Amino acid sequence: MSGYILFRLLMSGYILFRLLKSGYILFRLLMSGYILFRLLKSGYISASRCTQSLHHLLSSLILSCSAQHHSHPEAL
């Protein structure tokens, strides 16, 4: 089981690296991070909520990137 998890982590990291290199999600990451930063700075959300939001954002990006890679592997 741990070998499978390690494989999935490596594949997700590879896919994320390729998409970051191509610029596909760099803009989305920057904008989402900027919005979270502004909300945190204004006091609208707490630091723990910001951390949870960042974790959720990265998880959803990795899942969507993985799904896109499986539907169009030749795009990378």
PDB file of N, CA and C in Angstrom:
ATOM      1  N   MET A   1       0.822  -1.200   0.000  1.00  0.00           N
ATOM      2  CA  MET A   1       0.000   0.000   0.000  1.00  0.00           C
ATOM      3  C   MET A   1       0.866   1.265   0.000  1.00  0.00           C
ATOM      4  N   SER A   2       1.943   1.282   0.774  1.00  0.00           N
ATOM      5  CA  SER A   2       2.773   2.481   0.829  1.00  0.00           C
ATOM      6  C   SER A   2       3.500   2.715  -0.499  1.00  0.00           C
ATOM      7  N   GLY A   3       3.800   1.648  -1.224  1.00  0.00           N
ATOM      8  CA  GLY A   3       4.411   1.805  -2.540  1.00  0.00           C
ATOM      9  C   GLY A   3       3.473   2.491  -3.514  1.00  0.00           C
ATOM     10  N   TYR A   4       2.191   2.169  -3.429  1.00  0.00           N
ATOM     11  CA  TYR A   4       1.193   2.795  -4.289  1.00  0.00           C
ATOM     12  C   TYR A   4       1.062   4.281  -3.964  1.00  0.00           C
ATOM     13  N   ILE A   5       1.051   4.602  -2.673  1.00  0.00           N
ATOM     14  CA  ILE A   5       0.935   6.002  -2.263  1.00  0.00           C
ATOM     15  C   ILE A   5       2.155   6.789  -2.731  1.00  0.00           C
ATOM     16  N   LEU A   6       3.331   6.208  -2.588  1.00  0.00           N
ATOM     17  CA  LEU A   6       4.553   6.869  -3.048  1.00  0.00           C
ATOM     18  C   LEU A   6       4.513   7.090  -4.562  1.00  0.00           C
ATOM     19  N   PHE A   7       4.037   6.091  -5.301  1.00  0.00           N
ATOM     20  CA  PHE A   7       3.912   6.216  -6.752  1.00  0.00           C
ATOM     21  C   PHE A   7       2.961   7.355  -7.116  1.00  0.00           C
ATOM     22  N   ARG A   8       1.815   7.430  -6.430  1.00  0.00           N
ATOM     23  CA  ARG A   8       0.836   8.484  -6.716  1.00  0.00           C
ATOM     24  C   ARG A   8       1.406   9.869  -6.396  1.00  0.00           C
ATOM     25  N   LEU A   9       2.142   9.964  -5.288  1.00  0.00           N
ATOM     26  CA  LEU A   9       2.757  11.242  -4.931  1.00  0.00           C
ATOM     27  C   LEU A   9       3.783  11.670  -5.975  1.00  0.00           C
ATOM     28  N   LEU A  10       4.597  10.717  -6.426  1.00  0.00           N
ATOM     29  CA  LEU A  10       5.600  11.033  -7.444  1.00  0.00           C
ATOM     30  C   LEU A  10       4.949  11.444  -8.757  1.00  0.00           C
ATOM     31  N   MET A  11       3.909  10.721  -9.165  1.00  0.00           N
ATOM     32  CA  MET A  11       3.217  11.064 -10.409  1.00  0.00           C
ATOM     33  C   MET A  11       2.538  12.425 -10.299  1.00  0.00           C
ATOM     34  N   SER A  12       1.897  12.695  -9.159  1.00  0.00           N
ATOM     35  CA  SER A  12       1.251  13.996  -8.969  1.00  0.00           C
ATOM     36  C   SER A  12       2.283  15.110  -9.000  1.00  0.00           C
ATOM     37  N   GLY A  13       3.428  14.887  -8.369  1.00  0.00           N
ATOM     38  CA  GLY A  13       4.491  15.886  -8.394  1.00  0.00           C
ATOM     39  C   GLY A  13       5.020  16.110  -9.795  1.00  0.00           C
ATOM     40  N   TYR A  14       5.181  15.030 -10.559  1.00  0.00           N
ATOM     41  CA  TYR A  14       5.670  15.139 -11.936  1.00  0.00           C
ATOM     42  C   TYR A  14       4.672  15.906 -12.803  1.00  0.00           C
ATOM     43  N   ILE A  15       3.401  15.562 -12.676  1.00  0.00           N
ATOM     44  CA  ILE A  15       2.363  16.237 -13.456  1.00  0.00           C
ATOM     45  C   ILE A  15       2.300  17.710 -13.081  1.00  0.00           C
ATOM     46  N   LEU A  16       2.347  17.995 -11.775  1.00  0.00           N
ATOM     47  CA  LEU A  16       2.320  19.380 -11.322  1.00  0.00           C
ATOM     48  C   LEU A  16       3.532  20.147 -11.846  1.00  0.00           C
ATOM     49  N   PHE A  17       4.699  19.515 -11.826  1.00  0.00           N
ATOM     50  CA  PHE A  17       5.914  20.149 -12.350  1.00  0.00           C
ATOM     51  C   PHE A  17       5.765  20.466 -13.833  1.00  0.00           C
ATOM     52  N   ARG A  18       5.260  19.507 -14.613  1.00  0.00           N
ATOM     53  CA  ARG A  18       5.105  19.729 -16.059  1.00  0.00           C
ATOM     54  C   ARG A  18       4.114  20.855 -16.351  1.00  0.00           C
ATOM     55  N   LEU A  19       3.018  20.886 -15.591  1.00  0.00           N
ATOM     56  CA  LEU A  19       2.026  21.926 -15.817  1.00  0.00           C
ATOM     57  C   LEU A  19       2.529  23.288 -15.355  1.00  0.00           C
ATOM     58  N   LEU A  20       3.285  23.319 -14.270  1.00  0.00           N
ATOM     59  CA  LEU A  20       3.890  24.580 -13.835  1.00  0.00           C
ATOM     60  C   LEU A  20       4.897  25.069 -14.863  1.00  0.00           C
ATOM     61  N   LYS A  21       5.667  24.134 -15.415  1.00  0.00           N
ATOM     62  CA  LYS A  21       6.673  24.484 -16.418  1.00  0.00           C
ATOM     63  C   LYS A  21       6.008  25.059 -17.668  1.00  0.00           C
ATOM     64  N   SER A  22       4.851  24.517 -18.026  1.00  0.00           N
ATOM     65  CA  SER A  22       4.153  25.007 -19.213  1.00  0.00           C
ATOM     66  C   SER A  22       3.361  26.283 -18.931  1.00  0.00           C
ATOM     67  N   GLY A  23       3.232  26.662 -17.653  1.00  0.00           N
ATOM     68  CA  GLY A  23       2.512  27.876 -17.304  1.00  0.00           C
ATOM     69  C   GLY A  23       1.019  27.702 -17.164  1.00  0.00           C
ATOM     70  N   TYR A  24       0.525  26.470 -17.271  1.00  0.00           N
ATOM     71  CA  TYR A  24      -0.920  26.242 -17.249  1.00  0.00           C
ATOM     72  C   TYR A  24      -1.557  26.678 -15.933  1.00  0.00           C
ATOM     73  N   ILE A  25      -0.974  26.246 -14.807  1.00  0.00           N
ATOM     74  CA  ILE A  25      -1.611  26.563 -13.532  1.00  0.00           C
ATOM     75  C   ILE A  25      -0.863  27.621 -12.740  1.00  0.00           C
ATOM     76  N   LEU A  26       0.214  28.131 -13.267  1.00  0.00           N
ATOM     77  CA  LEU A  26       0.967  29.145 -12.534  1.00  0.00           C
ATOM     78  C   LEU A  26       0.101  30.369 -12.247  1.00  0.00           C
ATOM     79  N   PHE A  27      -0.652  30.803 -13.226  1.00  0.00           N
ATOM     80  CA  PHE A  27      -1.525  31.959 -13.040  1.00  0.00           C
ATOM     81  C   PHE A  27      -2.583  31.668 -11.984  1.00  0.00           C
ATOM     82  N   ARG A  28      -3.183  30.474 -12.038  1.00  0.00           N
ATOM     83  CA  ARG A  28      -4.204  30.113 -11.047  1.00  0.00           C
ATOM     84  C   ARG A  28      -3.620  30.078  -9.646  1.00  0.00           C
ATOM     85  N   LEU A  29      -2.414  29.530  -9.497  1.00  0.00           N
ATOM     86  CA  LEU A  29      -1.771  29.487  -8.188  1.00  0.00           C
ATOM     87  C   LEU A  29      -1.478  30.892  -7.675  1.00  0.00           C
ATOM     88  N   LEU A  30      -0.958  31.741  -8.541  1.00  0.00           N
ATOM     89  CA  LEU A  30      -0.629  33.102  -8.131  1.00  0.00           C
ATOM     90  C   LEU A  30      -1.870  33.889  -7.737  1.00  0.00           C
ATOM     91  N   MET A  31      -2.926  33.794  -8.519  1.00  0.00           N
ATOM     92  CA  MET A  31      -4.144  34.536  -8.204  1.00  0.00           C
ATOM     93  C   MET A  31      -4.799  34.018  -6.931  1.00  0.00           C
ATOM     94  N   SER A  32      -4.864  32.719  -6.765  1.00  0.00           N
ATOM     95  CA  SER A  32      -5.465  32.155  -5.556  1.00  0.00           C
ATOM     96  C   SER A  32      -4.649  32.524  -4.327  1.00  0.00           C
ATOM     97  N   GLY A  33      -3.339  32.464  -4.447  1.00  0.00           N
ATOM     98  CA  GLY A  33      -2.481  32.858  -3.334  1.00  0.00           C
ATOM     99  C   GLY A  33      -2.628  34.333  -3.002  1.00  0.00           C
ATOM    100  N   TYR A  34      -2.743  35.163  -4.023  1.00  0.00           N
ATOM    101  CA  TYR A  34      -2.909  36.603  -3.808  1.00  0.00           C
ATOM    102  C   TYR A  34      -4.229  36.895  -3.099  1.00  0.00           C
ATOM    103  N   ILE A  35      -5.294  36.242  -3.538  1.00  0.00           N
ATOM    104  CA  ILE A  35      -6.603  36.449  -2.916  1.00  0.00           C
ATOM    105  C   ILE A  35      -6.575  36.011  -1.455  1.00  0.00           C
ATOM    106  N   LEU A  36      -5.978  34.846  -1.182  1.00  0.00           N
ATOM    107  CA  LEU A  36      -5.877  34.386   0.204  1.00  0.00           C
ATOM    108  C   LEU A  36      -5.033  35.344   1.041  1.00  0.00           C
ATOM    109  N   PHE A  37      -3.954  35.851   0.470  1.00  0.00           N
ATOM    110  CA  PHE A  37      -3.105  36.802   1.185  1.00  0.00           C
ATOM    111  C   PHE A  37      -3.879  38.069   1.537  1.00  0.00           C
ATOM    112  N   ARG A  38      -4.646  38.589   0.589  1.00  0.00           N
ATOM    113  CA  ARG A  38      -5.423  39.808   0.849  1.00  0.00           C
ATOM    114  C   ARG A  38      -6.482  39.569   1.920  1.00  0.00           C
ATOM    115  N   LEU A  39      -7.131  38.406   1.891  1.00  0.00           N
ATOM    116  CA  LEU A  39      -8.129  38.089   2.913  1.00  0.00           C
ATOM    117  C   LEU A  39      -7.486  37.957   4.283  1.00  0.00           C
ATOM    118  N   LEU A  40      -6.314  37.345   4.333  1.00  0.00           N
ATOM    119  CA  LEU A  40      -5.593  37.187   5.596  1.00  0.00           C
ATOM    120  C   LEU A  40      -5.129  38.547   6.121  1.00  0.00           C
ATOM    121  N   LYS A  41      -4.595  39.366   5.244  1.00  0.00           N
ATOM    122  CA  LYS A  41      -4.085  40.683   5.641  1.00  0.00           C
ATOM    123  C   LYS A  41      -5.210  41.590   6.141  1.00  0.00           C
ATOM    124  N   SER A  42      -6.374  41.488   5.525  1.00  0.00           N
ATOM    125  CA  SER A  42      -7.502  42.327   5.937  1.00  0.00           C
ATOM    126  C   SER A  42      -8.162  41.824   7.219  1.00  0.00           C
ATOM    127  N   GLY A  43      -7.778  40.631   7.672  1.00  0.00           N
ATOM    128  CA  GLY A  43      -8.366  40.077   8.885  1.00  0.00           C
ATOM    129  C   GLY A  43      -9.670  39.339   8.647  1.00  0.00           C
ATOM    130  N   TYR A  44     -10.044  39.173   7.381  1.00  0.00           N
ATOM    131  CA  TYR A  44     -11.304  38.501   7.071  1.00  0.00           C
ATOM    132  C   TYR A  44     -11.248  37.018   7.407  1.00  0.00           C
ATOM    133  N   ILE A  45     -10.091  36.387   7.244  1.00  0.00           N
ATOM    134  CA  ILE A  45      -9.924  34.986   7.614  1.00  0.00           C
ATOM    135  C   ILE A  45      -8.720  34.854   8.541  1.00  0.00           C
ATOM    136  N   SER A  46      -8.728  33.785   9.340  1.00  0.00           N
ATOM    137  CA  SER A  46      -7.621  33.543  10.270  1.00  0.00           C
ATOM    138  C   SER A  46      -6.490  32.806   9.559  1.00  0.00           C
ATOM    139  N   ALA A  47      -5.336  32.747  10.220  1.00  0.00           N
ATOM    140  CA  ALA A  47      -4.178  32.062   9.641  1.00  0.00           C
ATOM    141  C   ALA A  47      -4.453  30.573   9.475  1.00  0.00           C
ATOM    142  N   SER A  48      -5.153  29.963  10.439  1.00  0.00           N
ATOM    143  CA  SER A  48      -5.442  28.529  10.318  1.00  0.00           C
ATOM    144  C   SER A  48      -6.408  28.272   9.165  1.00  0.00           C
ATOM    145  N   ARG A  49      -7.373  29.158   8.975  1.00  0.00           N
ATOM    146  CA  ARG A  49      -8.315  29.014   7.856  1.00  0.00           C
ATOM    147  C   ARG A  49      -7.584  29.212   6.526  1.00  0.00           C
ATOM    148  N   CYS A  50      -6.641  30.125   6.493  1.00  0.00           N
ATOM    149  CA  CYS A  50      -5.846  30.353   5.287  1.00  0.00           C
ATOM    150  C   CYS A  50      -5.032  29.108   4.953  1.00  0.00           C
ATOM    151  N   THR A  51      -4.443  28.482   5.975  1.00  0.00           N
ATOM    152  CA  THR A  51      -3.672  27.257   5.768  1.00  0.00           C
ATOM    153  C   THR A  51      -4.562  26.146   5.241  1.00  0.00           C
ATOM    154  N   GLN A  52      -5.767  26.010   5.801  1.00  0.00           N
ATOM    155  CA  GLN A  52      -6.711  24.997   5.316  1.00  0.00           C
ATOM    156  C   GLN A  52      -7.103  25.278   3.868  1.00  0.00           C
ATOM    157  N   SER A  53      -7.317  26.533   3.546  1.00  0.00           N
ATOM    158  CA  SER A  53      -7.689  26.898   2.177  1.00  0.00           C
ATOM    159  C   SER A  53      -6.567  26.598   1.195  1.00  0.00           C
ATOM    160  N   LEU A  54      -5.321  26.888   1.588  1.00  0.00           N
ATOM    161  CA  LEU A  54      -4.185  26.576   0.722  1.00  0.00           C
ATOM    162  C   LEU A  54      -4.050  25.077   0.505  1.00  0.00           C
ATOM    163  N   HIS A  55      -4.251  24.299   1.571  1.00  0.00           N
ATOM    164  CA  HIS A  55      -4.175  22.840   1.450  1.00  0.00           C
ATOM    165  C   HIS A  55      -5.257  22.332   0.505  1.00  0.00           C
ATOM    166  N   HIS A  56      -6.473  22.855   0.649  1.00  0.00           N
ATOM    167  CA  HIS A  56      -7.574  22.449  -0.225  1.00  0.00           C
ATOM    168  C   HIS A  56      -7.298  22.861  -1.670  1.00  0.00           C
ATOM    169  N   LEU A  57      -6.767  24.058  -1.860  1.00  0.00           N
ATOM    170  CA  LEU A  57      -6.449  24.546  -3.204  1.00  0.00           C
ATOM    171  C   LEU A  57      -5.421  23.657  -3.887  1.00  0.00           C
ATOM    172  N   LEU A  58      -4.340  23.351  -3.184  1.00  0.00           N
ATOM    173  CA  LEU A  58      -3.298  22.509  -3.774  1.00  0.00           C
ATOM    174  C   LEU A  58      -3.808  21.105  -4.053  1.00  0.00           C
ATOM    175  N   SER A  59      -4.617  20.557  -3.137  1.00  0.00           N
ATOM    176  CA  SER A  59      -5.176  19.219  -3.357  1.00  0.00           C
ATOM    177  C   SER A  59      -6.071  19.194  -4.584  1.00  0.00           C
ATOM    178  N   SER A  60      -6.935  20.194  -4.715  1.00  0.00           N
ATOM    179  CA  SER A  60      -7.838  20.217  -5.869  1.00  0.00           C
ATOM    180  C   SER A  60      -7.081  20.456  -7.171  1.00  0.00           C
ATOM    181  N   LEU A  61      -6.022  21.272  -7.135  1.00  0.00           N
ATOM    182  CA  LEU A  61      -5.223  21.485  -8.343  1.00  0.00           C
ATOM    183  C   LEU A  61      -4.522  20.210  -8.779  1.00  0.00           C
ATOM    184  N   ILE A  62      -3.976  19.481  -7.813  1.00  0.00           N
ATOM    185  CA  ILE A  62      -3.295  18.230  -8.149  1.00  0.00           C
ATOM    186  C   ILE A  62      -4.286  17.225  -8.711  1.00  0.00           C
ATOM    187  N   LEU A  63      -5.478  17.141  -8.114  1.00  0.00           N
ATOM    188  CA  LEU A  63      -6.487  16.213  -8.627  1.00  0.00           C
ATOM    189  C   LEU A  63      -6.949  16.607 -10.028  1.00  0.00           C
ATOM    190  N   SER A  64      -7.172  17.901 -10.253  1.00  0.00           N
ATOM    191  CA  SER A  64      -7.621  18.317 -11.584  1.00  0.00           C
ATOM    192  C   SER A  64      -6.518  18.145 -12.620  1.00  0.00           C
ATOM    193  N   CYS A  65      -5.274  18.393 -12.223  1.00  0.00           N
ATOM    194  CA  CYS A  65      -4.153  18.192 -13.143  1.00  0.00           C
ATOM    195  C   CYS A  65      -3.988  16.720 -13.474  1.00  0.00           C
ATOM    196  N   SER A  66      -4.160  15.875 -12.470  1.00  0.00           N
ATOM    197  CA  SER A  66      -4.050  14.441 -12.689  1.00  0.00           C
ATOM    198  C   SER A  66      -5.151  13.958 -13.623  1.00  0.00           C
ATOM    199  N   ALA A  67      -6.369  14.466 -13.423  1.00  0.00           N
ATOM    200  CA  ALA A  67      -7.486  14.081 -14.285  1.00  0.00           C
ATOM    201  C   ALA A  67      -7.255  14.570 -15.711  1.00  0.00           C
ATOM    202  N   GLN A  68      -6.726  15.779 -15.858  1.00  0.00           N
ATOM    203  CA  GLN A  68      -6.452  16.305 -17.195  1.00  0.00           C
ATOM    204  C   GLN A  68      -5.363  15.488 -17.875  1.00  0.00           C
ATOM    205  N   HIS A  69      -4.344  15.100 -17.118  1.00  0.00           N
ATOM    206  CA  HIS A  69      -3.254  14.309 -17.683  1.00  0.00           C
ATOM    207  C   HIS A  69      -3.762  12.956 -18.164  1.00  0.00           C
ATOM    208  N   HIS A  70      -4.671  12.342 -17.395  1.00  0.00           N
ATOM    209  CA  HIS A  70      -5.186  11.035 -17.790  1.00  0.00           C
ATOM    210  C   HIS A  70      -6.122  11.133 -18.991  1.00  0.00           C
ATOM    211  N   SER A  71      -6.795  12.276 -19.154  1.00  0.00           N
ATOM    212  CA  SER A  71      -7.689  12.404 -20.302  1.00  0.00           C
ATOM    213  C   SER A  71      -6.948  12.851 -21.563  1.00  0.00           C
ATOM    214  N   HIS A  72      -5.814  13.579 -21.396  1.00  0.00           N
ATOM    215  CA  HIS A  72      -5.019  14.051 -22.535  1.00  0.00           C
ATOM    216  C   HIS A  72      -3.534  13.885 -22.244  1.00  0.00           C
ATOM    217  N   PRO A  73      -3.026  12.657 -22.186  1.00  0.00           N
ATOM    218  CA  PRO A  73      -1.606  12.475 -21.839  1.00  0.00           C
ATOM    219  C   PRO A  73      -0.644  13.037 -22.879  1.00  0.00           C
ATOM    220  N   GLU A  74      -1.085  13.163 -24.128  1.00  0.00           N
ATOM    221  CA  GLU A  74      -0.182  13.676 -25.153  1.00  0.00           C
ATOM    222  C   GLU A  74      -0.021  15.188 -25.059  1.00  0.00           C
ATOM    223  N   ALA A  75      -0.870  15.856 -24.270  1.00  0.00           N
ATOM    224  CA  ALA A  75      -0.766  17.312 -24.118  1.00  0.00           C
ATOM    225  C   ALA A  75       0.495  17.699 -23.372  1.00  0.00           C
ATOM    226  N   LEU A  76       1.011  16.792 -22.560  1.00  0.00           N
ATOM    227  CA  LEU A  76       2.246  17.087 -21.838  1.00  0.00           C
ATOM    228  C   LEU A  76       3.377  16.606 -22.684  1.00  0.00           C
TER     229      LEU A  76
END
